[in-house]
Amino acid sequence: MSRDLRALSLEWEEQTGYDSIDTVERVYPRTKSGAYVCVHPGCSFARRDPVKIWRHTHTGHGRNDLPPEVRGGN
């Protein structure tokens, strides 16, 4: 991928309102071990890598609202 993923996620958040990687790091709940937790009701998916949570929250649960540039890289 030619563009920085973090910057792309911030740009996408500005355009659509969908959470960016920075938003994941700032506001998503964390487990005692420090993993970020998916915010979808009833989902227990958790990972330490905020990019993995960002991708999960935008591709899981029957949707795909990732930026078009990264949709194929799930």
PDB file of N, CA and C in Angstrom:
ATOM      1  N   MET A   1       0.845  -1.171   0.000  1.00  0.00           N
ATOM      2  CA  MET A   1       0.000   0.000   0.000  1.00  0.00           C
ATOM      3  C   MET A   1       0.892   1.237   0.000  1.00  0.00           C
ATOM      4  N   SER A   2       0.570   2.170  -0.871  1.00  0.00           N
ATOM      5  CA  SER A   2       1.444   3.320  -1.039  1.00  0.00           C
ATOM      6  C   SER A   2       1.208   4.410   0.003  1.00  0.00           C
ATOM      7  N   ARG A   3       0.035   4.471   0.577  1.00  0.00           N
ATOM      8  CA  ARG A   3      -0.264   5.525   1.552  1.00  0.00           C
ATOM      9  C   ARG A   3      -0.187   4.995   2.973  1.00  0.00           C
ATOM     10  N   ASP A   4       0.147   5.880   3.890  1.00  0.00           N
ATOM     11  CA  ASP A   4       0.190   5.525   5.297  1.00  0.00           C
ATOM     12  C   ASP A   4      -1.222   5.188   5.785  1.00  0.00           C
ATOM     13  N   LEU A   5      -1.398   4.006   6.349  1.00  0.00           N
ATOM     14  CA  LEU A   5      -2.709   3.531   6.772  1.00  0.00           C
ATOM     15  C   LEU A   5      -3.330   4.421   7.844  1.00  0.00           C
ATOM     16  N   ARG A   6      -2.533   4.874   8.784  1.00  0.00           N
ATOM     17  CA  ARG A   6      -3.058   5.745   9.844  1.00  0.00           C
ATOM     18  C   ARG A   6      -3.613   7.037   9.254  1.00  0.00           C
ATOM     19  N   ALA A   7      -2.866   7.651   8.350  1.00  0.00           N
ATOM     20  CA  ALA A   7      -3.321   8.894   7.711  1.00  0.00           C
ATOM     21  C   ALA A   7      -4.584   8.639   6.893  1.00  0.00           C
ATOM     22  N   LEU A   8      -4.612   7.530   6.186  1.00  0.00           N
ATOM     23  CA  LEU A   8      -5.779   7.180   5.393  1.00  0.00           C
ATOM     24  C   LEU A   8      -7.003   7.001   6.287  1.00  0.00           C
ATOM     25  N   SER A   9      -6.821   6.353   7.433  1.00  0.00           N
ATOM     26  CA  SER A   9      -7.953   6.133   8.335  1.00  0.00           C
ATOM     27  C   SER A   9      -8.469   7.455   8.902  1.00  0.00           C
ATOM     28  N   LEU A  10      -7.574   8.396   9.164  1.00  0.00           N
ATOM     29  CA  LEU A  10      -7.991   9.723   9.647  1.00  0.00           C
ATOM     30  C   LEU A  10      -8.769  10.484   8.574  1.00  0.00           C
ATOM     31  N   GLU A  11      -8.291  10.396   7.356  1.00  0.00           N
ATOM     32  CA  GLU A  11      -8.960  11.031   6.229  1.00  0.00           C
ATOM     33  C   GLU A  11     -10.365  10.438   6.039  1.00  0.00           C
ATOM     34  N   TRP A  12     -10.451   9.113   6.122  1.00  0.00           N
ATOM     35  CA  TRP A  12     -11.724   8.413   5.952  1.00  0.00           C
ATOM     36  C   TRP A  12     -12.691   8.788   7.072  1.00  0.00           C
ATOM     37  N   GLU A  13     -12.182   8.930   8.291  1.00  0.00           N
ATOM     38  CA  GLU A  13     -13.021   9.334   9.423  1.00  0.00           C
ATOM     39  C   GLU A  13     -13.574  10.740   9.190  1.00  0.00           C
ATOM     40  N   GLU A  14     -12.745  11.631   8.682  1.00  0.00           N
ATOM     41  CA  GLU A  14     -13.186  12.999   8.405  1.00  0.00           C
ATOM     42  C   GLU A  14     -14.281  13.012   7.333  1.00  0.00           C
ATOM     43  N   GLN A  15     -14.138  12.168   6.323  1.00  0.00           N
ATOM     44  CA  GLN A  15     -15.102  12.133   5.219  1.00  0.00           C
ATOM     45  C   GLN A  15     -16.411  11.439   5.593  1.00  0.00           C
ATOM     46  N   THR A  16     -16.332  10.392   6.412  1.00  0.00           N
ATOM     47  CA  THR A  16     -17.495   9.534   6.642  1.00  0.00           C
ATOM     48  C   THR A  16     -17.996   9.497   8.081  1.00  0.00           C
ATOM     49  N   GLY A  17     -17.141   9.845   9.020  1.00  0.00           N
ATOM     50  CA  GLY A  17     -17.503   9.707  10.422  1.00  0.00           C
ATOM     51  C   GLY A  17     -17.164   8.346  11.007  1.00  0.00           C
ATOM     52  N   TYR A  18     -16.699   7.404  10.168  1.00  0.00           N
ATOM     53  CA  TYR A  18     -16.315   6.085  10.656  1.00  0.00           C
ATOM     54  C   TYR A  18     -15.008   6.189  11.443  1.00  0.00           C
ATOM     55  N   ASP A  19     -14.894   5.432  12.504  1.00  0.00           N
ATOM     56  CA  ASP A  19     -13.734   5.527  13.394  1.00  0.00           C
ATOM     57  C   ASP A  19     -12.409   5.285  12.678  1.00  0.00           C
ATOM     58  N   SER A  20     -11.412   6.064  13.073  1.00  0.00           N
ATOM     59  CA  SER A  20     -10.044   5.916  12.570  1.00  0.00           C
ATOM     60  C   SER A  20      -9.231   5.068  13.549  1.00  0.00           C
ATOM     61  N   ILE A  21      -8.026   4.769  13.155  1.00  0.00           N
ATOM     62  CA  ILE A  21      -7.106   4.050  14.045  1.00  0.00           C
ATOM     63  C   ILE A  21      -6.849   4.886  15.294  1.00  0.00           C
ATOM     64  N   ASP A  22      -6.692   6.191  15.131  1.00  0.00           N
ATOM     65  CA  ASP A  22      -6.489   7.061  16.291  1.00  0.00           C
ATOM     66  C   ASP A  22      -7.680   7.025  17.235  1.00  0.00           C
ATOM     67  N   THR A  23      -8.897   6.981  16.694  1.00  0.00           N
ATOM     68  CA  THR A  23     -10.089   6.898  17.537  1.00  0.00           C
ATOM     69  C   THR A  23     -10.106   5.584  18.300  1.00  0.00           C
ATOM     70  N   VAL A  24      -9.737   4.507  17.631  1.00  0.00           N
ATOM     71  CA  VAL A  24      -9.645   3.216  18.322  1.00  0.00           C
ATOM     72  C   VAL A  24      -8.719   3.359  19.527  1.00  0.00           C
ATOM     73  N   GLU A  25      -7.557   3.937  19.318  1.00  0.00           N
ATOM     74  CA  GLU A  25      -6.576   4.077  20.404  1.00  0.00           C
ATOM     75  C   GLU A  25      -7.065   4.982  21.526  1.00  0.00           C
ATOM     76  N   ARG A  26      -7.839   5.990  21.194  1.00  0.00           N
ATOM     77  CA  ARG A  26      -8.293   6.949  22.201  1.00  0.00           C
ATOM     78  C   ARG A  26      -9.511   6.506  22.981  1.00  0.00           C
ATOM     79  N   VAL A  27     -10.488   5.872  22.315  1.00  0.00           N
ATOM     80  CA  VAL A  27     -11.776   5.696  22.984  1.00  0.00           C
ATOM     81  C   VAL A  27     -12.289   4.266  23.110  1.00  0.00           C
ATOM     82  N   TYR A  28     -11.728   3.311  22.391  1.00  0.00           N
ATOM     83  CA  TYR A  28     -12.252   1.949  22.485  1.00  0.00           C
ATOM     84  C   TYR A  28     -11.876   1.349  23.836  1.00  0.00           C
ATOM     85  N   PRO A  29     -12.769   0.524  24.394  1.00  0.00           N
ATOM     86  CA  PRO A  29     -12.452  -0.120  25.673  1.00  0.00           C
ATOM     87  C   PRO A  29     -11.268  -1.074  25.514  1.00  0.00           C
ATOM     88  N   ARG A  30     -10.603  -1.308  26.644  1.00  0.00           N
ATOM     89  CA  ARG A  30      -9.446  -2.207  26.635  1.00  0.00           C
ATOM     90  C   ARG A  30      -9.595  -3.253  27.720  1.00  0.00           C
ATOM     91  N   THR A  31      -9.012  -4.394  27.447  1.00  0.00           N
ATOM     92  CA  THR A  31      -9.002  -5.467  28.443  1.00  0.00           C
ATOM     93  C   THR A  31      -7.921  -5.151  29.482  1.00  0.00           C
ATOM     94  N   LYS A  32      -7.885  -5.945  30.537  1.00  0.00           N
ATOM     95  CA  LYS A  32      -6.851  -5.767  31.555  1.00  0.00           C
ATOM     96  C   LYS A  32      -5.458  -5.955  30.989  1.00  0.00           C
ATOM     97  N   SER A  33      -5.353  -6.778  29.943  1.00  0.00           N
ATOM     98  CA  SER A  33      -4.039  -7.011  29.340  1.00  0.00           C
ATOM     99  C   SER A  33      -3.679  -5.948  28.296  1.00  0.00           C
ATOM    100  N   GLY A  34      -4.588  -5.001  28.066  1.00  0.00           N
ATOM    101  CA  GLY A  34      -4.292  -3.903  27.157  1.00  0.00           C
ATOM    102  C   GLY A  34      -4.801  -4.057  25.740  1.00  0.00           C
ATOM    103  N   ALA A  35      -5.536  -5.123  25.451  1.00  0.00           N
ATOM    104  CA  ALA A  35      -6.084  -5.307  24.103  1.00  0.00           C
ATOM    105  C   ALA A  35      -7.297  -4.413  23.902  1.00  0.00           C
ATOM    106  N   TYR A  36      -7.441  -3.911  22.699  1.00  0.00           N
ATOM    107  CA  TYR A  36      -8.613  -3.111  22.325  1.00  0.00           C
ATOM    108  C   TYR A  36      -9.760  -4.071  22.037  1.00  0.00           C
ATOM    109  N   VAL A  37     -10.984  -3.662  22.378  1.00  0.00           N
ATOM    110  CA  VAL A  37     -12.160  -4.515  22.231  1.00  0.00           C
ATOM    111  C   VAL A  37     -13.111  -3.898  21.205  1.00  0.00           C
ATOM    112  N   CYS A  38     -13.665  -4.744  20.348  1.00  0.00           N
ATOM    113  CA  CYS A  38     -14.662  -4.305  19.376  1.00  0.00           C
ATOM    114  C   CYS A  38     -15.837  -3.670  20.115  1.00  0.00           C
ATOM    115  N   VAL A  39     -16.379  -2.591  19.562  1.00  0.00           N
ATOM    116  CA  VAL A  39     -17.486  -1.887  20.215  1.00  0.00           C
ATOM    117  C   VAL A  39     -18.859  -2.369  19.757  1.00  0.00           C
ATOM    118  N   HIS A  40     -18.910  -3.327  18.841  1.00  0.00           N
ATOM    119  CA  HIS A  40     -20.190  -3.858  18.386  1.00  0.00           C
ATOM    120  C   HIS A  40     -20.832  -4.615  19.542  1.00  0.00           C
ATOM    121  N   PRO A  41     -22.114  -4.365  19.832  1.00  0.00           N
ATOM    122  CA  PRO A  41     -22.781  -5.044  20.954  1.00  0.00           C
ATOM    123  C   PRO A  41     -22.656  -6.566  20.875  1.00  0.00           C
ATOM    124  N   GLY A  42     -22.226  -7.149  21.964  1.00  0.00           N
ATOM    125  CA  GLY A  42     -22.113  -8.594  22.065  1.00  0.00           C
ATOM    126  C   GLY A  42     -20.858  -9.197  21.446  1.00  0.00           C
ATOM    127  N   CYS A  43     -20.006  -8.382  20.851  1.00  0.00           N
ATOM    128  CA  CYS A  43     -18.793  -8.898  20.234  1.00  0.00           C
ATOM    129  C   CYS A  43     -17.655  -8.880  21.249  1.00  0.00           C
ATOM    130  N   SER A  44     -16.924  -9.950  21.308  1.00  0.00           N
ATOM    131  CA  SER A  44     -15.809 -10.025  22.260  1.00  0.00           C
ATOM    132  C   SER A  44     -14.451 -10.037  21.559  1.00  0.00           C
ATOM    133  N   PHE A  45     -14.420  -9.695  20.255  1.00  0.00           N
ATOM    134  CA  PHE A  45     -13.164  -9.666  19.510  1.00  0.00           C
ATOM    135  C   PHE A  45     -12.251  -8.611  20.131  1.00  0.00           C
ATOM    136  N   ALA A  46     -11.038  -9.005  20.465  1.00  0.00           N
ATOM    137  CA  ALA A  46     -10.077  -8.090  21.088  1.00  0.00           C
ATOM    138  C   ALA A  46      -8.681  -8.391  20.558  1.00  0.00           C
ATOM    139  N   ARG A  47      -7.936  -7.336  20.294  1.00  0.00           N
ATOM    140  CA  ARG A  47      -6.562  -7.463  19.822  1.00  0.00           C
ATOM    141  C   ARG A  47      -5.740  -6.300  20.370  1.00  0.00           C
ATOM    142  N   ARG A  48      -4.458  -6.552  20.569  1.00  0.00           N
ATOM    143  CA  ARG A  48      -3.560  -5.485  21.029  1.00  0.00           C
ATOM    144  C   ARG A  48      -3.238  -4.489  19.926  1.00  0.00           C
ATOM    145  N   ASP A  49      -3.293  -4.926  18.686  1.00  0.00           N
ATOM    146  CA  ASP A  49      -2.967  -4.080  17.545  1.00  0.00           C
ATOM    147  C   ASP A  49      -4.195  -3.252  17.151  1.00  0.00           C
ATOM    148  N   PRO A  50      -4.148  -1.927  17.290  1.00  0.00           N
ATOM    149  CA  PRO A  50      -5.314  -1.108  16.952  1.00  0.00           C
ATOM    150  C   PRO A  50      -5.702  -1.206  15.475  1.00  0.00           C
ATOM    151  N   VAL A  51      -4.761  -1.511  14.601  1.00  0.00           N
ATOM    152  CA  VAL A  51      -5.081  -1.665  13.177  1.00  0.00           C
ATOM    153  C   VAL A  51      -5.981  -2.888  12.977  1.00  0.00           C
ATOM    154  N   LYS A  52      -5.714  -3.966  13.707  1.00  0.00           N
ATOM    155  CA  LYS A  52      -6.548  -5.164  13.586  1.00  0.00           C
ATOM    156  C   LYS A  52      -7.967  -4.894  14.075  1.00  0.00           C
ATOM    157  N   ILE A  53      -8.102  -4.128  15.142  1.00  0.00           N
ATOM    158  CA  ILE A  53      -9.437  -3.764  15.633  1.00  0.00           C
ATOM    159  C   ILE A  53     -10.119  -2.834  14.641  1.00  0.00           C
ATOM    160  N   TRP A  54      -9.375  -1.872  14.098  1.00  0.00           N
ATOM    161  CA  TRP A  54      -9.928  -0.957  13.100  1.00  0.00           C
ATOM    162  C   TRP A  54     -10.471  -1.745  11.906  1.00  0.00           C
ATOM    163  N   ARG A  55      -9.674  -2.684  11.402  1.00  0.00           N
ATOM    164  CA  ARG A  55     -10.127  -3.495  10.265  1.00  0.00           C
ATOM    165  C   ARG A  55     -11.347  -4.343  10.649  1.00  0.00           C
ATOM    166  N   HIS A  56     -11.319  -4.951  11.837  1.00  0.00           N
ATOM    167  CA  HIS A  56     -12.438  -5.785  12.278  1.00  0.00           C
ATOM    168  C   HIS A  56     -13.720  -4.968  12.402  1.00  0.00           C
ATOM    169  N   THR A  57     -13.654  -3.815  13.026  1.00  0.00           N
ATOM    170  CA  THR A  57     -14.870  -3.033  13.242  1.00  0.00           C
ATOM    171  C   THR A  57     -15.454  -2.515  11.937  1.00  0.00           C
ATOM    172  N   HIS A  58     -14.630  -2.452  10.902  1.00  0.00           N
ATOM    173  CA  HIS A  58     -15.124  -1.960   9.608  1.00  0.00           C
ATOM    174  C   HIS A  58     -15.385  -3.068   8.598  1.00  0.00           C
ATOM    175  N   THR A  59     -15.101  -4.318   8.952  1.00  0.00           N
ATOM    176  CA  THR A  59     -15.387  -5.419   8.032  1.00  0.00           C
ATOM    177  C   THR A  59     -16.200  -6.529   8.696  1.00  0.00           C
ATOM    178  N   GLY A  60     -16.253  -6.546   9.977  1.00  0.00           N
ATOM    179  CA  GLY A  60     -17.004  -7.586  10.674  1.00  0.00           C
ATOM    180  C   GLY A  60     -18.482  -7.269  10.724  1.00  0.00           C
ATOM    181  N   HIS A  61     -19.244  -8.210  11.177  1.00  0.00           N
ATOM    182  CA  HIS A  61     -20.664  -8.004  11.428  1.00  0.00           C
ATOM    183  C   HIS A  61     -21.447  -7.666  10.162  1.00  0.00           C
ATOM    184  N   GLY A  62     -21.037  -8.272   9.040  1.00  0.00           N
ATOM    185  CA  GLY A  62     -21.776  -8.150   7.799  1.00  0.00           C
ATOM    186  C   GLY A  62     -21.622  -6.848   7.042  1.00  0.00           C
ATOM    187  N   ARG A  63     -20.536  -6.151   7.243  1.00  0.00           N
ATOM    188  CA  ARG A  63     -20.346  -4.891   6.531  1.00  0.00           C
ATOM    189  C   ARG A  63     -18.924  -4.745   6.029  1.00  0.00           C
ATOM    190  N   ASN A  64     -18.709  -3.764   5.189  1.00  0.00           N
ATOM    191  CA  ASN A  64     -17.356  -3.405   4.767  1.00  0.00           C
ATOM    192  C   ASN A  64     -17.352  -1.923   4.448  1.00  0.00           C
ATOM    193  N   ASP A  65     -17.024  -1.125   5.442  1.00  0.00           N
ATOM    194  CA  ASP A  65     -16.968   0.317   5.243  1.00  0.00           C
ATOM    195  C   ASP A  65     -15.543   0.862   5.387  1.00  0.00           C
ATOM    196  N   LEU A  66     -14.568   0.001   5.066  1.00  0.00           N
ATOM    197  CA  LEU A  66     -13.181   0.464   4.997  1.00  0.00           C
ATOM    198  C   LEU A  66     -13.018   1.369   3.782  1.00  0.00           C
ATOM    199  N   PRO A  67     -12.006   2.219   3.791  1.00  0.00           N
ATOM    200  CA  PRO A  67     -11.718   3.010   2.588  1.00  0.00           C
ATOM    201  C   PRO A  67     -11.489   2.078   1.401  1.00  0.00           C
ATOM    202  N   PRO A  68     -11.914   2.476   0.209  1.00  0.00           N
ATOM    203  CA  PRO A  68     -11.752   1.611  -0.971  1.00  0.00           C
ATOM    204  C   PRO A  68     -10.307   1.140  -1.198  1.00  0.00           C
ATOM    205  N   GLU A  69      -9.342   1.954  -0.809  1.00  0.00           N
ATOM    206  CA  GLU A  69      -7.927   1.605  -1.019  1.00  0.00           C
ATOM    207  C   GLU A  69      -7.478   0.398  -0.216  1.00  0.00           C
ATOM    208  N   VAL A  70      -8.187   0.061   0.855  1.00  0.00           N
ATOM    209  CA  VAL A  70      -7.748  -1.049   1.714  1.00  0.00           C
ATOM    210  C   VAL A  70      -8.766  -2.177   1.819  1.00  0.00           C
ATOM    211  N   ARG A  71      -9.850  -2.104   1.117  1.00  0.00           N
ATOM    212  CA  ARG A  71     -10.892  -3.143   1.232  1.00  0.00           C
ATOM    213  C   ARG A  71     -10.416  -4.533   0.907  1.00  0.00           C
ATOM    214  N   GLY A  72      -9.510  -4.680  -0.019  1.00  0.00           N
ATOM    215  CA  GLY A  72      -9.035  -6.009  -0.390  1.00  0.00           C
ATOM    216  C   GLY A  72      -8.028  -6.588   0.584  1.00  0.00           C
ATOM    217  N   GLY A  73      -7.510  -5.779   1.516  1.00  0.00           N
ATOM    218  CA  GLY A  73      -6.446  -6.247   2.405  1.00  0.00           C
ATOM    219  C   GLY A  73      -6.883  -6.694   3.758  1.00  0.00           C
ATOM    220  N   ASN A  74      -8.084  -7.262   3.863  1.00  0.00           N
ATOM    221  CA  ASN A  74      -8.585  -7.681   5.167  1.00  0.00           C
ATOM    222  C   ASN A  74      -7.788  -8.834   5.626  1.00  0.00           C
TER     223      ASN A  74
END
